[in-house]
Amino acid sequence: MLGDITFISYSKIQRKLNGDIKNGVRKPNTLLIPADKTSNFYAIDVSSYNKLVKEDVTKTYKKSIDILVRELDAKSAKRAEQLKLDDRIEKLAMSEAFVMLKDHEPSFVDHPTCCLISSSKSEIGIISKQILDYINASA
């Protein structure tokens, strides 16, 4: 059965991508960062990437201690239980944020800016909807 399979040689684009990966991407301490609105990727060293992430995170958020985060999760769980939503709402996931470079900005070459992507999302919308439904029903 496997004897019937024929393999096509790499195309010109595939050979170029393979060469780029071997020569450019596999350098130690180098990351590939996607662009925000284009399909481009940029190679950046780890320390520069960490600096970009830290600057972007601290621009919007402030640092908190783990105890406070656990207290807020406990309060959220209690509120979800009161509203009988505890079977549909999950605990806030602790995950790392990442950035995408805004290469369409005019100052990209001199001062790269980023778009912060955080995969930690609260499910406050479910609670808000429940409260709004209660308000609308009583009005």
Foldseek 3Di string as FASTA:
>chain_A
DVVPDDDDDDDPVRVVVVVCCVPPVPDPQWDWAAADPDRDTDIDGNVVQVVQLVVVCVVPDDDDDPVVLVVVQVVVCVLCVVLVNNVPFDGFDDDDKGWHWHPVDPCCVPDIHTDIGDPGDGPVVVVVVSVVVVVVVVD
